[in-house]
Structures are given as structure tokens and as C-alpha cells.
N, C-alpha and C. Protein backbone atom coordinates (compact mmCIF):
# COMPACT_ATOMS: atom_id res chain seq x y z
N MET A 1 20.01 -3.93 -18.69
CA MET A 1 18.39 -4.08 -18.11
C MET A 1 18.68 -4.32 -16.73
N PRO A 2 18.19 -3.66 -16.54
CA PRO A 2 18.02 -3.86 -14.66
C PRO A 2 16.76 -4.79 -14.69
N GLU A 3 17.37 -6.05 -13.79
CA GLU A 3 16.62 -7.39 -13.09
C GLU A 3 16.23 -6.86 -11.77
N GLN A 4 15.49 -7.65 -11.48
CA GLN A 4 14.84 -7.29 -9.71
C GLN A 4 14.59 -8.80 -9.42
N ASN A 5 14.54 -9.70 -8.35
CA ASN A 5 13.98 -10.63 -7.80
C ASN A 5 12.20 -10.10 -7.36
N THR A 6 11.60 -11.05 -7.77
CA THR A 6 10.36 -11.36 -7.12
C THR A 6 10.12 -12.18 -5.67
N SER A 7 9.31 -12.26 -5.33
CA SER A 7 9.27 -13.29 -4.31
C SER A 7 9.16 -14.36 -4.53
N LYS A 8 8.79 -15.04 -5.88
CA LYS A 8 8.42 -16.46 -6.08
C LYS A 8 9.54 -16.61 -6.46
N GLY A 9 10.66 -16.35 -6.81
CA GLY A 9 12.32 -16.66 -6.74
C GLY A 9 12.58 -16.30 -8.48
N GLN A 10 11.70 -15.39 -9.24
CA GLN A 10 11.44 -15.61 -10.44
C GLN A 10 12.61 -13.50 -10.78
N THR A 11 13.09 -13.68 -11.63
CA THR A 11 13.57 -12.09 -12.17
C THR A 11 12.79 -11.55 -12.89
N GLU A 12 12.30 -10.64 -12.35
CA GLU A 12 11.35 -9.54 -13.54
C GLU A 12 12.43 -8.84 -14.05
N GLU A 13 12.20 -8.36 -15.84
CA GLU A 13 12.91 -7.76 -16.58
C GLU A 13 12.52 -6.31 -16.67
N TYR A 14 13.28 -5.43 -16.24
CA TYR A 14 12.98 -3.97 -16.97
C TYR A 14 13.44 -3.59 -18.29
N LEU A 15 12.67 -3.14 -19.18
CA LEU A 15 13.21 -2.74 -20.57
C LEU A 15 13.04 -1.31 -20.37
N THR A 16 13.96 -0.70 -21.52
CA THR A 16 14.10 0.92 -21.38
C THR A 16 12.90 0.95 -22.69
N ARG A 17 12.94 2.56 -22.43
CA ARG A 17 11.82 2.91 -23.59
C ARG A 17 12.04 2.27 -25.25
N LYS A 18 13.13 2.44 -26.06
CA LYS A 18 13.75 2.27 -26.62
C LYS A 18 13.45 0.41 -27.01
N GLU A 19 13.83 -0.17 -26.25
CA GLU A 19 13.88 -1.84 -26.31
C GLU A 19 12.07 -1.68 -26.39
N VAL A 20 11.13 -1.28 -25.81
CA VAL A 20 9.94 -1.29 -25.89
C VAL A 20 9.37 -1.03 -27.38
N CYS A 21 9.72 0.19 -27.86
CA CYS A 21 9.67 0.25 -29.00
C CYS A 21 9.89 -0.38 -29.92
N GLN A 22 10.59 -0.93 -30.32
CA GLN A 22 11.72 -2.33 -31.21
C GLN A 22 11.36 -3.58 -30.27
N MET A 23 10.34 -3.40 -29.59
CA MET A 23 9.40 -5.14 -29.07
C MET A 23 8.48 -4.57 -29.84
N LEU A 24 7.74 -3.70 -30.09
CA LEU A 24 6.31 -3.27 -30.55
C LEU A 24 6.25 -2.79 -31.96
N LYS A 25 7.17 -2.71 -31.96
CA LYS A 25 7.27 -2.20 -33.94
C LYS A 25 6.86 -0.45 -33.93
N ILE A 26 6.46 0.07 -32.17
CA ILE A 26 6.14 1.04 -32.54
C ILE A 26 7.00 2.58 -32.06
N ALA A 27 6.35 3.91 -32.13
CA ALA A 27 7.10 5.19 -32.27
C ALA A 27 7.19 5.24 -30.75
N TYR A 28 8.38 6.23 -30.55
CA TYR A 28 8.63 6.89 -29.48
C TYR A 28 6.65 8.10 -28.64
N SER A 29 7.01 7.98 -30.04
CA SER A 29 5.03 9.06 -29.46
C SER A 29 3.94 8.34 -29.50
N THR A 30 3.92 6.73 -29.52
CA THR A 30 2.52 6.04 -29.51
C THR A 30 3.06 5.24 -28.38
N LEU A 31 4.33 4.90 -27.79
CA LEU A 31 4.26 4.94 -26.86
C LEU A 31 4.16 5.32 -25.52
N TYR A 32 4.55 6.66 -25.36
CA TYR A 32 4.04 7.66 -24.53
C TYR A 32 2.45 7.67 -24.32
N GLU A 33 1.38 7.57 -25.56
CA GLU A 33 0.05 7.92 -25.83
C GLU A 33 -0.30 6.56 -25.00
N TYR A 34 0.26 5.21 -25.16
CA TYR A 34 -0.44 4.32 -24.36
C TYR A 34 0.16 4.14 -23.23
N THR A 35 1.02 4.95 -22.75
CA THR A 35 1.40 4.68 -21.12
C THR A 35 0.21 6.26 -20.91
N LYS A 36 0.26 6.92 -21.83
CA LYS A 36 -0.71 8.46 -21.30
C LYS A 36 -1.88 7.57 -20.95
N ALA A 37 -2.59 6.48 -21.67
CA ALA A 37 -4.20 5.90 -21.83
C ALA A 37 -4.06 5.42 -20.65
N GLY A 38 -2.84 4.92 -19.97
CA GLY A 38 -2.96 3.61 -19.34
C GLY A 38 -3.03 1.83 -19.86
N LYS A 39 -2.82 1.92 -21.26
CA LYS A 39 -2.33 0.22 -21.25
C LYS A 39 -1.46 -0.13 -20.89
N LEU A 40 -0.19 0.94 -20.22
CA LEU A 40 1.25 0.69 -20.07
C LEU A 40 1.78 1.20 -18.93
N LYS A 41 1.96 0.53 -18.13
CA LYS A 41 2.74 1.23 -16.77
C LYS A 41 4.61 1.34 -16.84
N LYS A 42 4.59 2.95 -16.40
CA LYS A 42 5.72 2.89 -16.09
C LYS A 42 6.71 3.39 -15.43
N PHE A 43 7.94 3.31 -14.76
CA PHE A 43 8.63 2.22 -13.71
C PHE A 43 9.55 3.79 -13.45
N GLY A 44 10.01 4.02 -12.72
CA GLY A 44 11.33 5.59 -12.84
C GLY A 44 12.53 5.09 -11.70
N LEU A 45 13.32 4.70 -12.38
CA LEU A 45 14.57 4.70 -11.54
C LEU A 45 15.54 5.82 -11.55
N GLY A 46 15.26 7.01 -10.64
CA GLY A 46 15.77 8.35 -11.08
C GLY A 46 15.83 8.62 -12.16
N ARG A 47 16.17 9.04 -13.26
CA ARG A 47 15.64 10.07 -14.34
C ARG A 47 15.16 9.05 -15.38
N ARG A 48 15.54 7.65 -15.64
CA ARG A 48 15.51 6.81 -16.49
C ARG A 48 14.19 5.92 -16.50
N VAL A 49 13.57 6.17 -16.89
CA VAL A 49 12.32 5.18 -17.45
C VAL A 49 12.38 4.02 -17.56
N TYR A 50 11.59 2.98 -17.16
CA TYR A 50 11.82 1.75 -17.81
C TYR A 50 10.27 0.78 -17.65
N TYR A 51 9.71 -0.11 -17.73
CA TYR A 51 8.44 -0.99 -18.11
C TYR A 51 8.82 -2.24 -18.26
N LYS A 52 7.90 -3.33 -16.83
CA LYS A 52 8.21 -4.31 -17.12
C LYS A 52 7.41 -5.51 -18.25
N ARG A 53 8.51 -6.03 -18.66
CA ARG A 53 8.72 -7.63 -19.81
C ARG A 53 7.30 -7.89 -19.72
N SER A 54 7.00 -8.47 -18.35
CA SER A 54 6.03 -9.55 -18.29
C SER A 54 4.62 -8.38 -18.34
N GLN A 55 4.39 -7.03 -18.22
CA GLN A 55 3.39 -5.78 -18.41
C GLN A 55 3.52 -5.76 -19.49
N ILE A 56 4.68 -5.84 -20.53
CA ILE A 56 4.15 -5.57 -22.11
C ILE A 56 3.76 -6.59 -22.44
N GLU A 57 3.98 -7.78 -22.26
CA GLU A 57 3.73 -8.91 -22.82
C GLU A 57 2.23 -9.25 -22.34
N GLU A 58 1.71 -8.80 -21.33
CA GLU A 58 0.48 -8.66 -21.22
C GLU A 58 -0.36 -8.07 -22.04
N ALA A 59 -0.31 -6.90 -21.99
CA ALA A 59 -0.59 -5.87 -22.99
C ALA A 59 -0.81 -5.90 -24.28
N LEU A 60 -0.08 -6.62 -24.83
CA LEU A 60 0.10 -7.21 -26.29
C LEU A 60 -1.01 -7.91 -26.32
N ILE A 61 -1.63 -8.68 -25.72
CA ILE A 61 -2.92 -9.16 -26.08
C ILE A 61 -4.15 -8.59 -26.50
N GLU A 62 -4.28 -7.51 -25.22
CA GLU A 62 -5.15 -6.50 -25.11
C GLU A 62 -4.76 -5.76 -26.20
N ILE A 63 -3.90 -5.02 -26.95
CA ILE A 63 -3.44 -4.39 -28.00
C ILE A 63 -4.15 -4.98 -29.13
């Protein structure tokens, strides 16, 4: 899992699609639909796709 330092000195954790699906207990197709609908925002790093853990946790409250 890639991590990036934020301006506040905290580390932002990025999750793969597989990790997000396991965390939310959803299928890849559901994750795709959430992303397409704008409920979750994906980040690309090369050919890989990641999601911020903090945004996933915020989206849990809305979903």
C-alpha cells in the first residue's frame, strides 16, 4: 500500500481496489458503480488504481 505524507505530518494511506472491496464487503462491479456515481474518488499511479482510506471511511457514513 503506497503512503504519502500530508502537510499536517500525518501519513495518508492508499488502498487497492481489492482492499477496498474486502473492506466494504462489495464486488468489483459495485466499487466501479460507486466510483462512476462519484461516491468514491480513485487515484491513478501509473496503471494502478488506488483509493484514499480516509475518503473510504467518510463515504461509509454517507452510504
